[in-house]
C-alpha atoms as a PDB file:
ATOM      1  CA  MET A   1      34.764 -98.553  32.591  1.00  0.00           C
ATOM      2  CA  LYS A   2      32.250 -96.526  30.649  1.00  0.00           C
ATOM      3  CA  THR A   3      31.542 -99.088  29.078  1.00  0.00           C
ATOM      4  CA  LEU A   4      30.160-101.227  31.649  1.00  0.00           C
ATOM      5  CA  LYS A   5      28.689 -98.182  33.693  1.00  0.00           C
ATOM      6  CA  ASN A   6      26.414 -97.770  30.968  1.00  0.00           C
ATOM      7  CA  LEU A   7      25.394-101.516  30.223  1.00  0.00           C
ATOM      8  CA  ARG A   8      24.816-101.562  33.937  1.00  0.00           C
ATOM      9  CA  GLU A   9      22.507 -98.343  33.562  1.00  0.00           C
ATOM     10  CA  ARG A  10      20.893 -99.528  30.576  1.00  0.00           C
ATOM     11  CA  GLU A  11      20.803-102.743  32.005  1.00  0.00           C
ATOM     12  CA  SER A  12      19.070-101.793  35.280  1.00  0.00           C
ATOM     13  CA  GLN A  13      16.047 -99.814  32.901  1.00  0.00           C
ATOM     14  CA  PHE A  14      15.313-102.871  31.392  1.00  0.00           C
ATOM     15  CA  CYS A  15      15.382-104.968  34.368  1.00  0.00           C
ATOM     16  CA  GLU A  16      12.913-102.778  36.300  1.00  0.00           C
ATOM     17  CA  ARG A  17      10.768-102.245  33.350  1.00  0.00           C
ATOM     18  CA  LEU A  18      10.466-105.932  32.541  1.00  0.00           C
ATOM     19  CA  CYS A  19      10.636-106.741  36.998  1.00  0.00           C
ATOM     20  CA  LEU A  20      13.268-109.251  35.701  1.00  0.00           C
ATOM     21  CA  PRO A  21      16.662-110.062  37.882  1.00  0.00           C
ATOM     22  CA  ALA A  22      20.051-108.324  36.543  1.00  0.00           C
ATOM     23  CA  HIS A  23      22.614-110.305  34.661  1.00  0.00           C
ATOM     24  CA  ASN A  24      24.695-111.708  37.731  1.00  0.00           C
ATOM     25  CA  LEU A  25      28.341-110.529  37.067  1.00  0.00           C
ATOM     26  CA  GLY A  26      29.022-111.218  40.534  1.00  0.00           C
ATOM     27  CA  GLU A  27      31.450-108.549  42.496  1.00  0.00           C
ATOM     28  CA  VAL A  28      33.922-107.402  39.691  1.00  0.00           C
ATOM     29  CA  ASN A  29      35.542-103.945  39.295  1.00  0.00           C
ATOM     30  CA  VAL A  30      37.242-105.069  35.891  1.00  0.00           C
ATOM     31  CA  PRO A  31      35.198-107.415  33.794  1.00  0.00           C
ATOM     32  CA  THR A  32      36.647-109.821  31.024  1.00  0.00           C
ATOM     33  CA  LYS A  33      35.635-109.524  27.540  1.00  0.00           C
ATOM     34  CA  GLU A  34      33.840-112.658  28.449  1.00  0.00           C
ATOM     35  CA  GLN A  35      31.918-110.323  30.920  1.00  0.00           C
ATOM     36  CA  LEU A  36      30.882-107.548  28.942  1.00  0.00           C
ATOM     37  CA  LYS A  37      29.958-110.014  26.367  1.00  0.00           C
ATOM     38  CA  GLU A  38      27.378-111.146  28.198  1.00  0.00           C
ATOM     39  CA  LEU A  39      26.511-108.452  29.828  1.00  0.00           C
ATOM     40  CA  GLU A  40      25.783-107.394  26.013  1.00  0.00           C
ATOM     41  CA  ALA A  41      24.318-110.019  25.327  1.00  0.00           C
ATOM     42  CA  ASN A  42      21.466-109.796  27.966  1.00  0.00           C
ATOM     43  CA  VAL A  43      20.929-106.340  27.531  1.00  0.00           C
ATOM     44  CA  GLN A  44      20.096-107.124  23.757  1.00  0.00           C
ATOM     45  CA  TYR A  45      18.310-109.497  25.429  1.00  0.00           C
ATOM     46  CA  LEU A  46      16.151-107.537  27.796  1.00  0.00           C
ATOM     47  CA  GLN A  47      15.374-104.700  24.893  1.00  0.00           C
ATOM     48  CA  LYS A  48      13.855-107.403  22.474  1.00  0.00           C
ATOM     49  CA  GLU A  49      11.812-108.619  25.172  1.00  0.00           C
ATOM     50  CA  GLN A  50      11.052-105.259  26.251  1.00  0.00           C
ATOM     51  CA  VAL A  51       9.846-104.368  22.525  1.00  0.00           C
ATOM     52  CA  SER A  52       8.078-107.893  22.160  1.00  0.00           C
ATOM     53  CA  SER A  53       5.838-107.179  25.345  1.00  0.00           C
ATOM     54  CA  LEU A  54       5.154-103.795  24.213  1.00  0.00           C
ATOM     55  CA  LEU A  55       3.600-104.936  20.948  1.00  0.00           C
ATOM     56  CA  PHE A  56       2.049-108.080  22.716  1.00  0.00           C
ATOM     57  CA  CYS A  57       0.194-105.351  25.050  1.00  0.00           C
ATOM     58  CA  ALA A  58      -0.458-102.821  22.328  1.00  0.00           C
ATOM     59  CA  ALA A  59      -1.899-105.971  20.115  1.00  0.00           C
ATOM     60  CA  GLN A  60      -4.175-107.191  23.164  1.00  0.00           C
ATOM     61  CA  CYS A  61      -5.667-103.483  23.275  1.00  0.00           C
ATOM     62  CA  LEU A  62      -6.710-103.305  19.566  1.00  0.00           C
ATOM     63  CA  LYS A  63      -8.171-106.599  19.859  1.00  0.00           C
ATOM     64  CA  VAL A  64     -10.289-105.443  23.042  1.00  0.00           C
ATOM     65  CA  THR A  65     -10.957-102.077  21.299  1.00  0.00           C
ATOM     66  CA  CYS A  66     -11.999-104.116  17.983  1.00  0.00           C
ATOM     67  CA  GLY A  67     -14.132-106.676  20.020  1.00  0.00           C
ATOM     68  CA  TYR A  68     -15.820-103.534  22.143  1.00  0.00           C
ATOM     69  CA  LEU A  69     -16.455-101.733  18.450  1.00  0.00           C
ATOM     70  CA  SER A  70     -17.766-104.406  16.785  1.00  0.00           C
ATOM     71  CA  LYS A  71     -20.433-105.357  19.716  1.00  0.00           C
ATOM     72  CA  TYR A  72     -21.260-101.513  19.800  1.00  0.00           C
ATOM     73  CA  LEU A  73     -21.649-101.758  16.011  1.00  0.00           C
ATOM     74  CA  LEU A  74     -24.003-105.049  15.775  1.00  0.00           C
ATOM     75  CA  VAL A  75     -26.235-103.483  18.107  1.00  0.00           C
ATOM     76  CA  LEU A  76     -26.323-100.045  16.291  1.00  0.00           C
ATOM     77  CA  PHE A  77     -26.575-102.026  12.806  1.00  0.00           C
ATOM     78  CA  THR A  78     -29.252-104.465  14.716  1.00  0.00           C
ATOM     79  CA  ASN A  79     -31.636-100.941  15.702  1.00  0.00           C
ATOM     80  CA  LEU A  80     -30.763 -99.420  12.566  1.00  0.00           C
ATOM     81  CA  TYR A  81     -32.130-102.400  10.354  1.00  0.00           C
ATOM     82  CA  ASN A  82     -35.518-102.766  13.417  1.00  0.00           C
ATOM     83  CA  ARG A  83     -35.772 -99.139  12.687  1.00  0.00           C
ATOM     84  CA  ALA A  84     -36.008 -99.442   8.741  1.00  0.00           C
ATOM     85  CA  LYS A  85     -38.473-102.679   9.329  1.00  0.00           C
ATOM     86  CA  LYS A  86     -40.832-100.381  10.692  1.00  0.00           C
ATOM     87  CA  LEU A  87     -41.097 -97.879   7.922  1.00  0.00           C
END
């Protein structure tokens, strides 16, 4: 029963963060080994999805940051070049 409770808690946390539905075991007090395996597999899937989602967001942030930085550097070097031409 501890295993079921632990898996349900972890699943609930992941589902809440990812806005995904929980695995439907139905109203079961004592799950079968197969049901526990399904729930365990779902928790592992959700954990991978969360990591994947975080990596995707980090990559997008980096892409945007680099894009802004590139534009800033382009303007900066253009201004420096124009000033150097005047000397």
